């Protein structure tokens, strides 16, 4: 690694001081961005790290054209938000993703048949639990990867009671999908 010029070293130090987040601020910022943009923790973390690395690279390669504004926390956050907005724009709403999935469509077809047997009922319940696990639970856990709330997510659909779902009020799409699956299970349970 080459030696930094005094100008580069000063700019790097200024930038690092500007983006310093005390305590668990860095982690908290990532969790909040996950909620806001409905993206997994690792993707958000990568964007945050890449934004920092991009500004540091600019300092190392073009310190003479780097402005004080580019060394601010506000600029760093703006770079992060621009990338996250780009990623979030391609997000399909969870309910749309859920209801268009092949697993969900198969369950809907089975539910449309009259006179569901006990064996079919058990199979449908198992399929609803699989849909919940793959379409709702796993993506929610990906967003909560390093938060304490991660441990509150139940992998069993039927353990996601109303009280349990209230813990996840910051994740309305996931809770709407969970409630939808629970209502489906309840509605066909009465037809057996």
N, C-alpha and C. Protein backbone atom coordinates (compact mmCIF):
# COMPACT_ATOMS: atom_id res chain seq x y z
N UNK A 1 0.85 -1.19 0.00
CA UNK A 1 0.00 0.00 0.00
C UNK A 1 0.88 1.24 0.00
N UNK A 2 0.52 2.19 -0.81
CA UNK A 2 1.33 3.41 -0.91
C UNK A 2 1.06 4.33 0.27
N UNK A 3 2.00 5.18 0.52
CA UNK A 3 1.88 6.17 1.59
C UNK A 3 0.83 7.20 1.22
N UNK A 4 0.06 7.62 2.21
CA UNK A 4 -0.93 8.67 1.98
C UNK A 4 -0.24 10.02 2.04
N UNK A 5 -0.71 10.91 1.19
CA UNK A 5 -0.21 12.27 1.28
C UNK A 5 -0.87 12.92 2.50
N UNK A 6 -0.31 13.99 3.02
CA UNK A 6 -0.94 14.68 4.15
C UNK A 6 -2.38 15.10 3.84
N UNK A 7 -2.61 15.50 2.59
CA UNK A 7 -3.95 15.91 2.15
C UNK A 7 -4.93 14.72 2.22
N UNK A 8 -4.49 13.57 1.72
CA UNK A 8 -5.32 12.36 1.74
C UNK A 8 -5.60 11.91 3.17
N UNK A 9 -4.55 11.90 3.98
CA UNK A 9 -4.69 11.48 5.37
C UNK A 9 -5.66 12.38 6.12
N UNK A 10 -5.55 13.68 5.91
CA UNK A 10 -6.44 14.64 6.56
C UNK A 10 -7.89 14.43 6.11
N UNK A 11 -8.09 14.21 4.81
CA UNK A 11 -9.44 14.00 4.27
C UNK A 11 -10.05 12.71 4.82
N UNK A 12 -9.26 11.63 4.88
CA UNK A 12 -9.74 10.35 5.42
C UNK A 12 -10.14 10.52 6.88
N UNK A 13 -9.30 11.19 7.66
CA UNK A 13 -9.59 11.40 9.08
C UNK A 13 -10.86 12.22 9.24
N UNK A 14 -11.00 13.28 8.46
CA UNK A 14 -12.20 14.12 8.53
C UNK A 14 -13.46 13.31 8.19
N UNK A 15 -13.38 12.52 7.13
CA UNK A 15 -14.51 11.71 6.71
C UNK A 15 -14.88 10.70 7.80
N UNK A 16 -13.90 9.99 8.34
CA UNK A 16 -14.16 8.99 9.38
C UNK A 16 -14.79 9.64 10.62
N UNK A 17 -14.31 10.82 10.98
CA UNK A 17 -14.89 11.52 12.13
C UNK A 17 -16.34 11.93 11.84
N UNK A 18 -16.59 12.37 10.64
CA UNK A 18 -17.94 12.81 10.26
C UNK A 18 -18.96 11.67 10.26
N UNK A 19 -18.53 10.47 9.88
CA UNK A 19 -19.49 9.37 9.80
C UNK A 19 -19.51 8.51 11.06
N UNK A 20 -18.72 8.87 12.04
CA UNK A 20 -18.70 8.10 13.29
C UNK A 20 -20.08 8.13 13.95
N UNK A 21 -20.58 6.95 14.27
CA UNK A 21 -21.86 6.82 14.95
C UNK A 21 -21.59 6.14 16.29
N UNK A 22 -21.76 6.84 17.40
CA UNK A 22 -21.42 6.27 18.72
C UNK A 22 -22.29 5.08 19.10
N UNK A 23 -21.77 4.28 20.02
CA UNK A 23 -22.52 3.11 20.51
C UNK A 23 -22.76 2.13 19.38
N UNK A 24 -23.99 1.67 19.28
CA UNK A 24 -24.33 0.75 18.19
C UNK A 24 -25.03 1.49 17.06
N UNK A 25 -24.66 2.75 16.88
CA UNK A 25 -25.30 3.61 15.88
C UNK A 25 -25.24 3.08 14.47
N UNK A 26 -24.11 2.50 14.10
CA UNK A 26 -23.92 1.96 12.75
C UNK A 26 -24.92 0.82 12.53
N UNK A 27 -24.98 -0.09 13.49
CA UNK A 27 -25.90 -1.22 13.43
C UNK A 27 -27.35 -0.73 13.42
N UNK A 28 -27.67 0.19 14.30
CA UNK A 28 -29.04 0.74 14.38
C UNK A 28 -29.44 1.40 13.08
N UNK A 29 -28.50 2.11 12.47
CA UNK A 29 -28.78 2.77 11.20
C UNK A 29 -29.14 1.73 10.14
N UNK A 30 -28.40 0.64 10.09
CA UNK A 30 -28.67 -0.41 9.10
C UNK A 30 -30.04 -1.03 9.35
N UNK A 31 -30.37 -1.31 10.61
CA UNK A 31 -31.68 -1.89 10.94
C UNK A 31 -32.81 -0.95 10.51
N UNK A 32 -32.65 0.34 10.79
CA UNK A 32 -33.67 1.32 10.40
C UNK A 32 -33.82 1.40 8.88
N UNK A 33 -32.70 1.34 8.17
CA UNK A 33 -32.76 1.37 6.71
C UNK A 33 -33.42 0.10 6.16
N UNK A 34 -33.19 -1.03 6.82
CA UNK A 34 -33.86 -2.29 6.42
C UNK A 34 -35.37 -2.12 6.50
N UNK A 35 -35.83 -1.54 7.61
CA UNK A 35 -37.28 -1.31 7.79
C UNK A 35 -37.81 -0.38 6.72
N UNK A 36 -37.11 0.74 6.56
CA UNK A 36 -37.59 1.76 5.64
C UNK A 36 -37.68 1.27 4.20
N UNK A 37 -36.65 0.55 3.76
CA UNK A 37 -36.61 0.12 2.36
C UNK A 37 -37.05 -1.33 2.15
N UNK A 38 -37.39 -2.04 3.25
CA UNK A 38 -37.84 -3.42 3.17
C UNK A 38 -36.83 -4.29 2.41
N UNK A 39 -35.57 -4.17 2.85
CA UNK A 39 -34.49 -4.93 2.24
C UNK A 39 -33.76 -5.74 3.31
N UNK A 40 -33.15 -6.86 2.92
CA UNK A 40 -32.42 -7.68 3.88
C UNK A 40 -31.21 -6.97 4.48
N UNK A 41 -30.89 -7.33 5.71
CA UNK A 41 -29.79 -6.71 6.46
C UNK A 41 -28.49 -6.74 5.67
N UNK A 42 -28.13 -7.91 5.13
CA UNK A 42 -26.85 -8.03 4.43
C UNK A 42 -26.76 -7.13 3.20
N UNK A 43 -27.87 -6.98 2.50
CA UNK A 43 -27.86 -6.10 1.32
C UNK A 43 -27.67 -4.65 1.74
N UNK A 44 -28.38 -4.24 2.81
CA UNK A 44 -28.26 -2.86 3.29
C UNK A 44 -26.85 -2.63 3.82
N UNK A 45 -26.35 -3.57 4.60
CA UNK A 45 -24.99 -3.45 5.15
C UNK A 45 -23.97 -3.30 4.03
N UNK A 46 -24.11 -4.08 2.97
CA UNK A 46 -23.19 -4.01 1.84
C UNK A 46 -23.24 -2.62 1.19
N UNK A 47 -24.44 -2.09 1.02
CA UNK A 47 -24.57 -0.75 0.43
C UNK A 47 -23.88 0.29 1.32
N UNK A 48 -24.09 0.19 2.63
CA UNK A 48 -23.48 1.13 3.58
C UNK A 48 -21.96 1.05 3.48
N UNK A 49 -21.43 -0.16 3.49
CA UNK A 49 -19.98 -0.35 3.42
C UNK A 49 -19.42 0.12 2.07
N UNK A 50 -20.13 -0.19 0.99
CA UNK A 50 -19.67 0.23 -0.34
C UNK A 50 -19.69 1.75 -0.49
N UNK A 51 -20.68 2.40 0.11
CA UNK A 51 -20.74 3.86 0.04
C UNK A 51 -19.53 4.46 0.74
N UNK A 52 -19.20 3.90 1.90
CA UNK A 52 -18.02 4.38 2.63
C UNK A 52 -16.74 4.13 1.82
N UNK A 53 -16.61 2.92 1.30
CA UNK A 53 -15.43 2.57 0.51
C UNK A 53 -15.31 3.43 -0.74
N UNK A 54 -16.45 3.75 -1.36
CA UNK A 54 -16.44 4.59 -2.56
C UNK A 54 -15.92 5.99 -2.29
N UNK A 55 -16.34 6.55 -1.17
CA UNK A 55 -15.87 7.90 -0.81
C UNK A 55 -14.39 7.85 -0.45
N UNK A 56 -13.97 6.81 0.27
CA UNK A 56 -12.55 6.67 0.62
C UNK A 56 -11.70 6.49 -0.64
N UNK A 57 -12.18 5.73 -1.62
CA UNK A 57 -11.46 5.55 -2.88
C UNK A 57 -11.33 6.87 -3.62
N UNK A 58 -12.42 7.64 -3.60
CA UNK A 58 -12.37 8.95 -4.25
C UNK A 58 -11.30 9.83 -3.60
N UNK A 59 -11.22 9.78 -2.29
CA UNK A 59 -10.21 10.56 -1.57
C UNK A 59 -8.80 10.10 -2.00
N UNK A 60 -8.60 8.81 -2.05
CA UNK A 60 -7.28 8.28 -2.39
C UNK A 60 -6.90 8.55 -3.84
N UNK A 61 -7.87 8.50 -4.74
CA UNK A 61 -7.57 8.68 -6.16
C UNK A 61 -7.62 10.14 -6.61
N UNK A 62 -8.51 10.93 -6.03
CA UNK A 62 -8.72 12.31 -6.50
C UNK A 62 -8.89 13.28 -5.34
N UNK A 63 -7.98 13.27 -4.41
CA UNK A 63 -8.14 14.13 -3.24
C UNK A 63 -8.25 15.61 -3.61
N UNK A 64 -7.60 16.01 -4.69
CA UNK A 64 -7.61 17.43 -5.07
C UNK A 64 -8.99 17.89 -5.55
N UNK A 65 -9.82 16.95 -6.04
CA UNK A 65 -11.16 17.34 -6.49
C UNK A 65 -12.24 16.98 -5.48
N UNK A 66 -11.85 16.39 -4.35
CA UNK A 66 -12.82 16.02 -3.31
C UNK A 66 -13.18 17.26 -2.51
N UNK A 67 -14.47 17.52 -2.38
CA UNK A 67 -14.93 18.71 -1.64
C UNK A 67 -15.24 18.36 -0.19
N UNK A 68 -15.32 19.39 0.64
CA UNK A 68 -15.68 19.19 2.05
C UNK A 68 -17.08 18.57 2.17
N UNK A 69 -17.97 18.94 1.26
CA UNK A 69 -19.33 18.40 1.28
C UNK A 69 -19.30 16.89 1.09
N UNK A 70 -18.41 16.39 0.24
CA UNK A 70 -18.31 14.95 -0.01
C UNK A 70 -17.77 14.18 1.19
N UNK A 71 -17.22 14.89 2.16
CA UNK A 71 -16.68 14.26 3.36
C UNK A 71 -17.67 14.27 4.51
N UNK A 72 -18.88 14.75 4.27
CA UNK A 72 -19.87 14.86 5.35
C UNK A 72 -20.69 13.59 5.51
N UNK A 73 -21.26 13.45 6.67
CA UNK A 73 -22.17 12.33 6.94
C UNK A 73 -23.40 12.44 6.04
N UNK A 74 -23.88 13.67 5.84
CA UNK A 74 -25.07 13.89 5.00
C UNK A 74 -24.84 13.37 3.58
N UNK A 75 -23.66 13.61 3.04
CA UNK A 75 -23.35 13.13 1.68
C UNK A 75 -23.30 11.60 1.66
N UNK A 76 -22.63 11.03 2.66
CA UNK A 76 -22.51 9.58 2.78
C UNK A 76 -23.90 8.94 2.85
N UNK A 77 -24.77 9.49 3.69
CA UNK A 77 -26.14 8.97 3.83
C UNK A 77 -26.92 9.15 2.53
N UNK A 78 -26.71 10.26 1.84
CA UNK A 78 -27.40 10.49 0.56
C UNK A 78 -26.98 9.44 -0.48
N UNK A 79 -25.69 9.09 -0.50
CA UNK A 79 -25.20 8.06 -1.42
C UNK A 79 -25.85 6.72 -1.08
N UNK A 80 -25.92 6.42 0.21
CA UNK A 80 -26.54 5.17 0.67
C UNK A 80 -28.00 5.12 0.25
N UNK A 81 -28.73 6.19 0.55
CA UNK A 81 -30.16 6.24 0.25
C UNK A 81 -30.43 6.13 -1.26
N UNK A 82 -29.61 6.75 -2.06
CA UNK A 82 -29.80 6.68 -3.52
C UNK A 82 -29.71 5.22 -3.99
N UNK A 83 -28.73 4.50 -3.50
CA UNK A 83 -28.56 3.09 -3.88
C UNK A 83 -29.71 2.23 -3.35
N UNK A 84 -30.13 2.48 -2.10
CA UNK A 84 -31.22 1.70 -1.52
C UNK A 84 -32.54 1.96 -2.24
N UNK A 85 -32.77 3.21 -2.63
CA UNK A 85 -33.99 3.53 -3.38
C UNK A 85 -34.01 2.79 -4.71
N UNK A 86 -32.84 2.72 -5.34
CA UNK A 86 -32.71 2.00 -6.60
C UNK A 86 -33.08 0.52 -6.40
N UNK A 87 -32.55 -0.07 -5.33
CA UNK A 87 -32.84 -1.47 -5.03
C UNK A 87 -34.30 -1.67 -4.66
N UNK A 88 -34.84 -0.79 -3.84
CA UNK A 88 -36.22 -0.91 -3.36
C UNK A 88 -37.23 -0.74 -4.49
N UNK A 89 -36.87 0.05 -5.50
CA UNK A 89 -37.78 0.25 -6.63
C UNK A 89 -38.09 -1.05 -7.35
N UNK A 90 -37.16 -1.99 -7.29
CA UNK A 90 -37.39 -3.27 -7.96
C UNK A 90 -38.07 -4.29 -7.04
N UNK A 91 -38.33 -3.90 -5.79
CA UNK A 91 -39.04 -4.79 -4.86
C UNK A 91 -40.48 -4.98 -5.29
N UNK A 92 -40.90 -6.22 -5.33
CA UNK A 92 -42.31 -6.53 -5.58
C UNK A 92 -42.98 -6.58 -4.21
N UNK A 93 -44.12 -5.91 -4.03
CA UNK A 93 -44.80 -5.98 -2.73
C UNK A 93 -44.98 -7.43 -2.29
N UNK A 94 -44.80 -7.68 -1.02
CA UNK A 94 -44.81 -9.05 -0.51
C UNK A 94 -46.11 -9.79 -0.81
N UNK A 95 -47.26 -9.13 -0.64
CA UNK A 95 -48.54 -9.81 -0.92
C UNK A 95 -48.63 -10.20 -2.39
N UNK A 96 -48.16 -9.35 -3.26
CA UNK A 96 -48.18 -9.66 -4.70
C UNK A 96 -47.26 -10.85 -4.99
N UNK A 97 -46.10 -10.84 -4.38
CA UNK A 97 -45.15 -11.93 -4.53
C UNK A 97 -45.74 -13.23 -3.99
N UNK A 98 -46.35 -13.14 -2.83
CA UNK A 98 -46.96 -14.30 -2.18
C UNK A 98 -48.07 -14.90 -3.03
N UNK A 99 -49.03 -14.06 -3.41
CA UNK A 99 -50.21 -14.56 -4.12
C UNK A 99 -49.91 -15.01 -5.55
N UNK A 100 -48.78 -14.61 -6.09
CA UNK A 100 -48.43 -15.07 -7.44
C UNK A 100 -47.47 -16.26 -7.41
N UNK A 101 -47.06 -16.67 -6.22
CA UNK A 101 -46.14 -17.81 -6.13
C UNK A 101 -46.85 -19.10 -6.53
N UNK A 102 -46.09 -20.03 -7.06
CA UNK A 102 -46.65 -21.30 -7.52
C UNK A 102 -47.24 -22.09 -6.34
N UNK A 103 -46.57 -22.08 -5.21
CA UNK A 103 -47.08 -22.79 -4.03
C UNK A 103 -48.44 -22.26 -3.61
N UNK A 104 -48.56 -20.95 -3.58
CA UNK A 104 -49.81 -20.32 -3.17
C UNK A 104 -50.93 -20.68 -4.16
N UNK A 105 -50.63 -20.62 -5.43
CA UNK A 105 -51.62 -20.92 -6.46
C UNK A 105 -52.13 -22.36 -6.33
N UNK A 106 -51.22 -23.28 -6.01
CA UNK A 106 -51.63 -24.68 -5.83
C UNK A 106 -52.57 -24.83 -4.64
N UNK A 107 -52.26 -24.13 -3.55
CA UNK A 107 -53.12 -24.18 -2.36
C UNK A 107 -54.49 -23.60 -2.69
N UNK A 108 -54.54 -22.50 -3.41
CA UNK A 108 -55.81 -21.88 -3.77
C UNK A 108 -56.66 -22.84 -4.62
N UNK A 109 -56.01 -23.56 -5.52
CA UNK A 109 -56.74 -24.54 -6.34
C UNK A 109 -57.34 -25.62 -5.45
N UNK A 110 -56.58 -26.10 -4.49
CA UNK A 110 -57.07 -27.15 -3.59
C UNK A 110 -58.22 -26.63 -2.73
N UNK A 111 -58.13 -25.37 -2.33
CA UNK A 111 -59.17 -24.78 -1.49
C UNK A 111 -60.47 -24.57 -2.26
N UNK A 112 -60.36 -24.45 -3.57
CA UNK A 112 -61.55 -24.22 -4.40
C UNK A 112 -62.38 -25.49 -4.56
N UNK A 113 -61.77 -26.64 -4.28
CA UNK A 113 -62.50 -27.91 -4.40
C UNK A 113 -63.45 -28.07 -3.22
N UNK A 114 -64.65 -28.55 -3.48
CA UNK A 114 -65.58 -28.79 -2.37
C UNK A 114 -65.21 -30.07 -1.61
N UNK A 115 -65.61 -30.14 -0.35
CA UNK A 115 -65.44 -31.35 0.46
C UNK A 115 -64.00 -31.78 0.68
N UNK A 116 -63.24 -30.97 1.35
CA UNK A 116 -61.83 -31.29 1.63
C UNK A 116 -61.78 -32.38 2.71
N UNK A 117 -61.05 -33.45 2.40
CA UNK A 117 -60.91 -34.55 3.37
C UNK A 117 -59.93 -34.15 4.47
N UNK A 118 -59.91 -34.92 5.53
CA UNK A 118 -59.01 -34.65 6.66
C UNK A 118 -57.55 -34.74 6.20
N UNK A 119 -57.26 -35.71 5.34
CA UNK A 119 -55.89 -35.86 4.82
C UNK A 119 -55.49 -34.64 3.98
N UNK A 120 -56.42 -34.20 3.11
CA UNK A 120 -56.17 -33.01 2.29
C UNK A 120 -56.01 -31.77 3.17
N UNK A 121 -56.81 -31.69 4.21
CA UNK A 121 -56.76 -30.57 5.15
C UNK A 121 -55.36 -30.49 5.78
N UNK A 122 -54.85 -31.63 6.24
CA UNK A 122 -53.51 -31.67 6.85
C UNK A 122 -52.44 -31.27 5.84
N UNK A 123 -52.62 -31.73 4.61
CA UNK A 123 -51.65 -31.40 3.56
C UNK A 123 -51.68 -29.90 3.27
N UNK A 124 -52.86 -29.32 3.20
CA UNK A 124 -52.99 -27.88 2.93
C UNK A 124 -52.38 -27.07 4.07
N UNK A 125 -52.64 -27.48 5.30
CA UNK A 125 -52.04 -26.78 6.45
C UNK A 125 -50.52 -26.81 6.37
N UNK A 126 -49.97 -27.97 6.01
CA UNK A 126 -48.52 -28.10 5.87
C UNK A 126 -48.00 -27.19 4.75
N UNK A 127 -48.75 -27.12 3.66
CA UNK A 127 -48.36 -26.27 2.54
C UNK A 127 -48.42 -24.79 2.92
N UNK A 128 -49.44 -24.41 3.69
CA UNK A 128 -49.53 -23.02 4.15
C UNK A 128 -48.34 -22.68 5.06
N UNK A 129 -47.95 -23.63 5.89
CA UNK A 129 -46.78 -23.40 6.75
C UNK A 129 -45.52 -23.25 5.91
N UNK A 130 -45.39 -24.06 4.85
CA UNK A 130 -44.23 -23.92 3.95
C UNK A 130 -44.23 -22.56 3.26
N UNK A 131 -45.40 -22.15 2.79
CA UNK A 131 -45.50 -20.84 2.13
C UNK A 131 -45.08 -19.76 3.11
N UNK A 132 -45.58 -19.82 4.32
CA UNK A 132 -45.21 -18.84 5.34
C UNK A 132 -43.69 -18.85 5.55
N UNK A 133 -43.11 -20.03 5.70
CA UNK A 133 -41.68 -20.12 5.99
C UNK A 133 -40.84 -19.50 4.86
N UNK A 134 -41.15 -19.89 3.61
CA UNK A 134 -40.32 -19.45 2.49
C UNK A 134 -40.64 -18.04 1.99
N UNK A 135 -41.90 -17.66 2.02
CA UNK A 135 -42.30 -16.38 1.43
C UNK A 135 -42.36 -15.23 2.44
N UNK A 136 -42.52 -15.56 3.73
CA UNK A 136 -42.70 -14.51 4.73
C UNK A 136 -41.62 -14.57 5.81
N UNK A 137 -41.52 -15.69 6.49
CA UNK A 137 -40.62 -15.83 7.63
C UNK A 137 -39.14 -15.62 7.25
N UNK A 138 -38.67 -16.35 6.25
CA UNK A 138 -37.25 -16.23 5.87
C UNK A 138 -36.88 -14.82 5.41
N UNK A 139 -37.68 -14.17 4.56
CA UNK A 139 -37.34 -12.79 4.19
C UNK A 139 -37.36 -11.82 5.40
N UNK A 140 -38.30 -12.03 6.32
CA UNK A 140 -38.35 -11.19 7.51
C UNK A 140 -37.10 -11.41 8.36
N UNK A 141 -36.74 -12.65 8.54
CA UNK A 141 -35.52 -12.94 9.31
C UNK A 141 -34.28 -12.35 8.64
N UNK A 142 -34.27 -12.31 7.32
CA UNK A 142 -33.13 -11.72 6.62
C UNK A 142 -32.99 -10.24 6.93
N UNK A 143 -34.12 -9.57 7.15
CA UNK A 143 -34.07 -8.15 7.51
C UNK A 143 -33.67 -7.95 8.97
N UNK A 144 -33.99 -8.92 9.80
CA UNK A 144 -33.76 -8.80 11.24
C UNK A 144 -32.49 -9.52 11.68
N UNK A 145 -31.68 -9.93 10.75
CA UNK A 145 -30.55 -10.83 10.99
C UNK A 145 -29.80 -10.58 12.31
N UNK A 146 -29.47 -9.38 12.63
CA UNK A 146 -28.65 -9.13 13.83
C UNK A 146 -29.40 -8.37 14.92
N UNK A 147 -30.70 -8.30 14.82
CA UNK A 147 -31.45 -7.59 15.85
C UNK A 147 -32.04 -8.59 16.84
N UNK A 148 -32.38 -8.12 18.00
CA UNK A 148 -32.98 -9.00 19.01
C UNK A 148 -34.36 -9.48 18.56
N UNK A 149 -35.01 -8.72 17.71
CA UNK A 149 -36.33 -9.10 17.21
C UNK A 149 -36.26 -10.36 16.34
N UNK A 150 -35.08 -10.66 15.82
CA UNK A 150 -34.88 -11.87 15.01
C UNK A 150 -35.39 -13.10 15.75
N UNK A 151 -35.12 -13.15 17.04
CA UNK A 151 -35.47 -14.33 17.84
C UNK A 151 -36.96 -14.41 18.16
N UNK A 152 -37.69 -13.33 17.94
CA UNK A 152 -39.13 -13.32 18.21
C UNK A 152 -39.94 -13.84 17.03
N UNK A 153 -39.32 -13.94 15.85
CA UNK A 153 -40.03 -14.45 14.68
C UNK A 153 -40.25 -15.95 14.87
N UNK A 154 -41.49 -16.36 14.77
CA UNK A 154 -41.82 -17.77 14.91
C UNK A 154 -41.81 -18.43 13.53
N UNK A 155 -41.15 -19.58 13.43
CA UNK A 155 -41.11 -20.28 12.15
C UNK A 155 -42.40 -21.06 11.90
N UNK A 156 -43.20 -21.23 12.94
CA UNK A 156 -44.50 -21.89 12.81
C UNK A 156 -45.57 -20.82 12.58
N UNK A 157 -46.23 -20.89 11.46
CA UNK A 157 -47.26 -19.92 11.11
C UNK A 157 -48.27 -19.73 12.23
N UNK A 158 -48.69 -20.81 12.83
CA UNK A 158 -49.77 -20.75 13.82
C UNK A 158 -49.32 -20.20 15.18
N UNK A 159 -48.02 -20.00 15.34
CA UNK A 159 -47.51 -19.35 16.54
C UNK A 159 -47.45 -17.83 16.37
N UNK A 160 -47.71 -17.36 15.15
CA UNK A 160 -47.70 -15.91 14.90
C UNK A 160 -49.08 -15.34 15.23
N UNK A 161 -49.39 -15.35 16.50
CA UNK A 161 -50.67 -14.85 17.01
C UNK A 161 -50.74 -13.34 16.82
N UNK A 162 -51.89 -12.79 17.10
CA UNK A 162 -52.07 -11.34 16.98
C UNK A 162 -51.07 -10.61 17.87
N UNK A 163 -50.90 -11.09 19.10
CA UNK A 163 -49.95 -10.48 20.04
C UNK A 163 -48.53 -10.57 19.48
N UNK A 164 -48.20 -11.71 18.92
CA UNK A 164 -46.87 -11.92 18.36
C UNK A 164 -46.65 -10.99 17.16
N UNK A 165 -47.67 -10.85 16.33
CA UNK A 165 -47.55 -10.01 15.13
C UNK A 165 -47.38 -8.54 15.49
N UNK A 166 -47.91 -8.13 16.63
CA UNK A 166 -47.78 -6.73 17.04
C UNK A 166 -46.33 -6.34 17.27
N UNK A 167 -45.49 -7.29 17.61
CA UNK A 167 -44.06 -7.02 17.81
C UNK A 167 -43.40 -6.56 16.52
N UNK A 168 -44.03 -6.89 15.40
CA UNK A 168 -43.45 -6.61 14.09
C UNK A 168 -44.23 -5.53 13.33
N UNK A 169 -44.77 -4.59 14.06
CA UNK A 169 -45.57 -3.54 13.43
C UNK A 169 -44.76 -2.70 12.44
N UNK A 170 -43.43 -2.71 12.57
CA UNK A 170 -42.58 -1.97 11.63
C UNK A 170 -42.40 -2.72 10.31
N UNK A 171 -42.98 -3.90 10.22
CA UNK A 171 -42.88 -4.72 9.02
C UNK A 171 -44.28 -5.10 8.55
N UNK A 172 -45.06 -4.10 8.15
CA UNK A 172 -46.48 -4.33 7.84
C UNK A 172 -46.73 -5.31 6.69
N UNK A 173 -45.87 -5.32 5.69
CA UNK A 173 -46.09 -6.24 4.57
C UNK A 173 -46.01 -7.69 5.03
N UNK A 174 -45.06 -7.96 5.89
CA UNK A 174 -44.87 -9.33 6.38
C UNK A 174 -46.03 -9.75 7.29
N UNK A 175 -46.49 -8.80 8.09
CA UNK A 175 -47.59 -9.14 9.00
C UNK A 175 -48.91 -9.27 8.24
N UNK A 176 -49.08 -8.48 7.19
CA UNK A 176 -50.28 -8.61 6.35
C UNK A 176 -50.30 -9.99 5.68
N UNK A 177 -49.15 -10.42 5.17
CA UNK A 177 -49.06 -11.73 4.52
C UNK A 177 -49.29 -12.86 5.53
N UNK A 178 -48.75 -12.70 6.73
CA UNK A 178 -48.95 -13.71 7.78
C UNK A 178 -50.42 -13.82 8.13
N UNK A 179 -51.06 -12.68 8.33
CA UNK A 179 -52.48 -12.66 8.68
C UNK A 179 -53.32 -13.27 7.56
N UNK A 180 -52.96 -12.97 6.33
CA UNK A 180 -53.68 -13.52 5.18
C UNK A 180 -53.61 -15.06 5.18
N UNK A 181 -52.43 -15.60 5.42
CA UNK A 181 -52.27 -17.05 5.45
C UNK A 181 -53.03 -17.68 6.61
N UNK A 182 -53.03 -17.00 7.75
CA UNK A 182 -53.78 -17.51 8.90
C UNK A 182 -55.29 -17.51 8.62
N UNK A 183 -55.77 -16.47 7.95
CA UNK A 183 -57.19 -16.40 7.60
C UNK A 183 -57.57 -17.48 6.59
N UNK A 184 -56.65 -17.76 5.67
CA UNK A 184 -56.90 -18.84 4.70
C UNK A 184 -57.05 -20.17 5.44
N UNK A 185 -56.15 -20.42 6.36
CA UNK A 185 -56.20 -21.67 7.13
C UNK A 185 -57.49 -21.75 7.93
N UNK A 186 -57.89 -20.64 8.51
CA UNK A 186 -59.11 -20.60 9.32
C UNK A 186 -60.34 -20.81 8.45
N UNK A 187 -60.36 -20.18 7.28
CA UNK A 187 -61.54 -20.26 6.41
C UNK A 187 -61.78 -21.68 5.91
N UNK A 188 -60.77 -22.38 5.53
CA UNK A 188 -61.01 -23.72 5.02
C UNK A 188 -61.18 -24.72 6.15
N UNK A 189 -60.67 -24.41 7.32
CA UNK A 189 -60.85 -25.28 8.47
C UNK A 189 -62.32 -25.47 8.81
N UNK A 190 -63.12 -24.43 8.57
CA UNK A 190 -64.54 -24.49 8.86
C UNK A 190 -65.34 -25.29 7.80
N UNK A 191 -64.72 -25.60 6.66
CA UNK A 191 -65.41 -26.31 5.58
C UNK A 191 -65.20 -27.81 5.61
N UNK A 192 -64.38 -28.30 6.53
CA UNK A 192 -64.08 -29.74 6.56
C UNK A 192 -65.19 -30.53 7.20
